Amino acid sequence: MKSAAQPAQIPTSFGNELRACLRCRLVKTYDQFRENGCENCPFFKMDEDSDLVNEGTTPNFNGIISVMDPDKSWAAKWLRISRFVPGCYTLAVSEALSEDLQNICEDEHVQYVPPKRV
């Protein structure tokens, strides 16, 4: 049996300061990413450099879903976030990660799936 993952912080507000991680689509406020980074992407070290928060997240996303148990959620499987920690996620981002952050993913051997072009 897999141990329960420590959940991500939930957004402390739902105003204009919300951002989504461009790799895993986790949604938190700018300040939460700056203070604690991304729970799914700690290798981006957003909590160490606020420029990386701007580079690795976006305020432009569509919809939010809260996932309590990613392993058992059909929606999490459909959105391909079932291996991430419980938390709030966006349904879609339209921006891609910068080449520098894509290189970090490659160096860390973690998958990055760029958004589909519509």
C-alpha atoms as a PDB file:
ATOM      1  CA  MET A   1       0.000   0.000   0.000  1.00  0.00           C
ATOM      2  CA  LYS A   2       1.341   3.406  -0.982  1.00  0.00           C
ATOM      3  CA  SER A   3       1.703   5.908   1.844  1.00  0.00           C
ATOM      4  CA  ALA A   4      -0.441   9.012   1.628  1.00  0.00           C
ATOM      5  CA  ALA A   5       1.351  11.966   0.067  1.00  0.00           C
ATOM      6  CA  GLN A   6       1.662  15.151   2.056  1.00  0.00           C
ATOM      7  CA  PRO A   7      -0.882  17.502   0.467  1.00  0.00           C
ATOM      8  CA  ALA A   8       0.080  20.763  -1.203  1.00  0.00           C
ATOM      9  CA  GLN A   9      -0.948  24.054   0.334  1.00  0.00           C
ATOM     10  CA  ILE A  10      -4.397  25.161  -0.703  1.00  0.00           C
ATOM     11  CA  PRO A  11      -4.649  28.679  -2.105  1.00  0.00           C
ATOM     12  CA  THR A  12      -5.134  31.247   0.643  1.00  0.00           C
ATOM     13  CA  SER A  13      -7.186  33.440  -1.686  1.00  0.00           C
ATOM     14  CA  PHE A  14      -8.858  33.092  -5.054  1.00  0.00           C
ATOM     15  CA  GLY A  15      -8.108  36.530  -6.480  1.00  0.00           C
ATOM     16  CA  ASN A  16      -5.721  37.794  -9.128  1.00  0.00           C
ATOM     17  CA  GLU A  17      -2.650  36.517  -7.270  1.00  0.00           C
ATOM     18  CA  LEU A  18      -3.332  32.861  -8.181  1.00  0.00           C
ATOM     19  CA  ARG A  19      -0.727  31.149 -10.336  1.00  0.00           C
ATOM     20  CA  ALA A  20      -0.337  27.661 -11.792  1.00  0.00           C
ATOM     21  CA  CYS A  21       2.895  25.692 -12.079  1.00  0.00           C
ATOM     22  CA  LEU A  22       3.692  25.261 -15.771  1.00  0.00           C
ATOM     23  CA  ARG A  23       4.900  21.685 -15.261  1.00  0.00           C
ATOM     24  CA  CYS A  24       2.399  20.073 -12.874  1.00  0.00           C
ATOM     25  CA  ARG A  25      -0.430  22.672 -12.961  1.00  0.00           C
ATOM     26  CA  LEU A  26      -0.591  23.027  -9.152  1.00  0.00           C
ATOM     27  CA  VAL A  27      -2.457  26.225  -8.220  1.00  0.00           C
ATOM     28  CA  LYS A  28      -1.390  28.443  -5.320  1.00  0.00           C
ATOM     29  CA  THR A  29      -0.854  32.140  -4.725  1.00  0.00           C
ATOM     30  CA  TYR A  30       2.328  33.853  -5.876  1.00  0.00           C
ATOM     31  CA  ASP A  31       3.376  34.271  -2.217  1.00  0.00           C
ATOM     32  CA  GLN A  32       2.835  30.570  -1.489  1.00  0.00           C
ATOM     33  CA  PHE A  33       5.063  29.553  -4.409  1.00  0.00           C
ATOM     34  CA  ARG A  34       7.664  32.138  -3.329  1.00  0.00           C
ATOM     35  CA  GLU A  35       7.655  30.951   0.300  1.00  0.00           C
ATOM     36  CA  ASN A  36       7.301  27.178  -0.176  1.00  0.00           C
ATOM     37  CA  GLY A  37       7.951  26.389  -3.828  1.00  0.00           C
ATOM     38  CA  CYS A  38       5.991  23.738  -5.709  1.00  0.00           C
ATOM     39  CA  GLU A  39       5.337  20.503  -3.823  1.00  0.00           C
ATOM     40  CA  ASN A  40       5.499  18.462  -7.050  1.00  0.00           C
ATOM     41  CA  CYS A  41       8.489  20.288  -8.553  1.00  0.00           C
ATOM     42  CA  PRO A  42      10.925  21.046  -5.679  1.00  0.00           C
ATOM     43  CA  PHE A  43      13.837  20.878  -8.152  1.00  0.00           C
ATOM     44  CA  PHE A  44      12.701  24.252  -9.576  1.00  0.00           C
ATOM     45  CA  LYS A  45      13.659  25.808  -6.195  1.00  0.00           C
ATOM     46  CA  MET A  46      11.019  28.543  -6.511  1.00  0.00           C
ATOM     47  CA  ASP A  47      11.275  29.125  -2.758  1.00  0.00           C
ATOM     48  CA  GLU A  48      14.911  30.186  -3.226  1.00  0.00           C
ATOM     49  CA  ASP A  49      14.469  32.606  -6.142  1.00  0.00           C
ATOM     50  CA  SER A  50      11.348  34.690  -6.819  1.00  0.00           C
ATOM     51  CA  ASP A  51      12.380  35.039 -10.486  1.00  0.00           C
ATOM     52  CA  LEU A  52      11.822  31.281 -10.786  1.00  0.00           C
ATOM     53  CA  VAL A  53       8.245  31.738  -9.520  1.00  0.00           C
ATOM     54  CA  ASN A  54       7.636  34.117 -12.431  1.00  0.00           C
ATOM     55  CA  GLU A  55       9.388  31.777 -14.866  1.00  0.00           C
ATOM     56  CA  GLY A  56       7.825  28.512 -13.647  1.00  0.00           C
ATOM     57  CA  THR A  57       4.237  29.635 -13.043  1.00  0.00           C
ATOM     58  CA  THR A  58       1.547  31.548 -14.885  1.00  0.00           C
ATOM     59  CA  PRO A  59      -1.514  33.569 -13.912  1.00  0.00           C
ATOM     60  CA  ASN A  60      -3.144  32.457 -17.193  1.00  0.00           C
ATOM     61  CA  PHE A  61      -4.974  29.167 -16.749  1.00  0.00           C
ATOM     62  CA  ASN A  62      -8.426  27.647 -17.157  1.00  0.00           C
ATOM     63  CA  GLY A  63     -10.492  26.211 -14.300  1.00  0.00           C
ATOM     64  CA  ILE A  64      -9.526  24.708 -10.954  1.00  0.00           C
ATOM     65  CA  ILE A  65     -10.073  21.211  -9.597  1.00  0.00           C
ATOM     66  CA  SER A  66      -9.366  20.092  -6.036  1.00  0.00           C
ATOM     67  CA  VAL A  67      -7.935  16.587  -5.771  1.00  0.00           C
ATOM     68  CA  MET A  68      -8.069  14.883  -2.373  1.00  0.00           C
ATOM     69  CA  ASP A  69      -6.955  11.359  -3.360  1.00  0.00           C
ATOM     70  CA  PRO A  70      -5.113  11.472  -6.702  1.00  0.00           C
ATOM     71  CA  ASP A  71      -4.672   7.661  -6.858  1.00  0.00           C
ATOM     72  CA  LYS A  72      -8.425   7.043  -6.754  1.00  0.00           C
ATOM     73  CA  SER A  73      -9.719  10.083  -8.655  1.00  0.00           C
ATOM     74  CA  TRP A  74     -10.873   9.435 -12.218  1.00  0.00           C
ATOM     75  CA  ALA A  75     -10.573  13.182 -12.865  1.00  0.00           C
ATOM     76  CA  ALA A  76      -6.931  13.156 -11.720  1.00  0.00           C
ATOM     77  CA  LYS A  77      -6.223  10.214 -14.018  1.00  0.00           C
ATOM     78  CA  TRP A  78      -7.971  11.981 -16.919  1.00  0.00           C
ATOM     79  CA  LEU A  79      -5.947  15.170 -16.265  1.00  0.00           C
ATOM     80  CA  ARG A  80      -2.757  13.100 -15.834  1.00  0.00           C
ATOM     81  CA  ILE A  81      -2.122  14.427 -12.327  1.00  0.00           C
ATOM     82  CA  SER A  82      -2.761  11.169 -10.422  1.00  0.00           C
ATOM     83  CA  ARG A  83       0.924  10.878  -9.423  1.00  0.00           C
ATOM     84  CA  PHE A  84       1.024  14.353  -7.898  1.00  0.00           C
ATOM     85  CA  VAL A  85       0.271  15.356  -4.305  1.00  0.00           C
ATOM     86  CA  PRO A  86      -3.291  16.194  -3.229  1.00  0.00           C
ATOM     87  CA  GLY A  87      -4.087  19.847  -3.879  1.00  0.00           C
ATOM     88  CA  CYS A  88      -5.726  22.346  -6.235  1.00  0.00           C
ATOM     89  CA  TYR A  89      -4.869  22.079  -9.920  1.00  0.00           C
ATOM     90  CA  THR A  90      -5.803  23.905 -13.074  1.00  0.00           C
ATOM     91  CA  LEU A  91      -7.504  22.086 -15.910  1.00  0.00           C
ATOM     92  CA  ALA A  92      -5.193  23.643 -18.514  1.00  0.00           C
ATOM     93  CA  VAL A  93      -2.328  26.063 -19.057  1.00  0.00           C
ATOM     94  CA  SER A  94      -1.475  27.390 -22.501  1.00  0.00           C
ATOM     95  CA  GLU A  95       2.112  28.519 -21.868  1.00  0.00           C
ATOM     96  CA  ALA A  96       5.156  26.256 -22.089  1.00  0.00           C
ATOM     97  CA  LEU A  97       8.056  26.041 -19.655  1.00  0.00           C
ATOM     98  CA  SER A  98      11.145  28.026 -20.564  1.00  0.00           C
ATOM     99  CA  GLU A  99      13.983  26.092 -22.136  1.00  0.00           C
ATOM    100  CA  ASP A 100      16.026  26.487 -18.920  1.00  0.00           C
ATOM    101  CA  LEU A 101      13.287  24.871 -16.814  1.00  0.00           C
ATOM    102  CA  GLN A 102      12.755  22.159 -19.435  1.00  0.00           C
ATOM    103  CA  ASN A 103      16.475  21.394 -19.125  1.00  0.00           C
ATOM    104  CA  ILE A 104      16.087  21.099 -15.337  1.00  0.00           C
ATOM    105  CA  CYS A 105      13.268  18.572 -15.879  1.00  0.00           C
ATOM    106  CA  GLU A 106      15.501  16.607 -18.213  1.00  0.00           C
ATOM    107  CA  ASP A 107      18.418  16.727 -15.738  1.00  0.00           C
ATOM    108  CA  GLU A 108      16.090  15.537 -12.927  1.00  0.00           C
ATOM    109  CA  HIS A 109      14.597  12.788 -15.127  1.00  0.00           C
ATOM    110  CA  VAL A 110      11.047  14.078 -14.639  1.00  0.00           C
ATOM    111  CA  GLN A 111       8.488  14.173 -17.394  1.00  0.00           C
ATOM    112  CA  TYR A 112       7.353  17.470 -18.850  1.00  0.00           C
ATOM    113  CA  VAL A 113       4.452  17.482 -21.289  1.00  0.00           C
ATOM    114  CA  PRO A 114       4.112  20.832 -23.087  1.00  0.00           C
ATOM    115  CA  PRO A 115       0.575  22.178 -23.563  1.00  0.00           C
ATOM    116  CA  LYS A 116      -1.232  21.239 -26.746  1.00  0.00           C
ATOM    117  CA  ARG A 117      -1.471  24.000 -29.320  1.00  0.00           C
ATOM    118  CA  VAL A 118      -5.095  24.757 -30.120  1.00  0.00           C
END
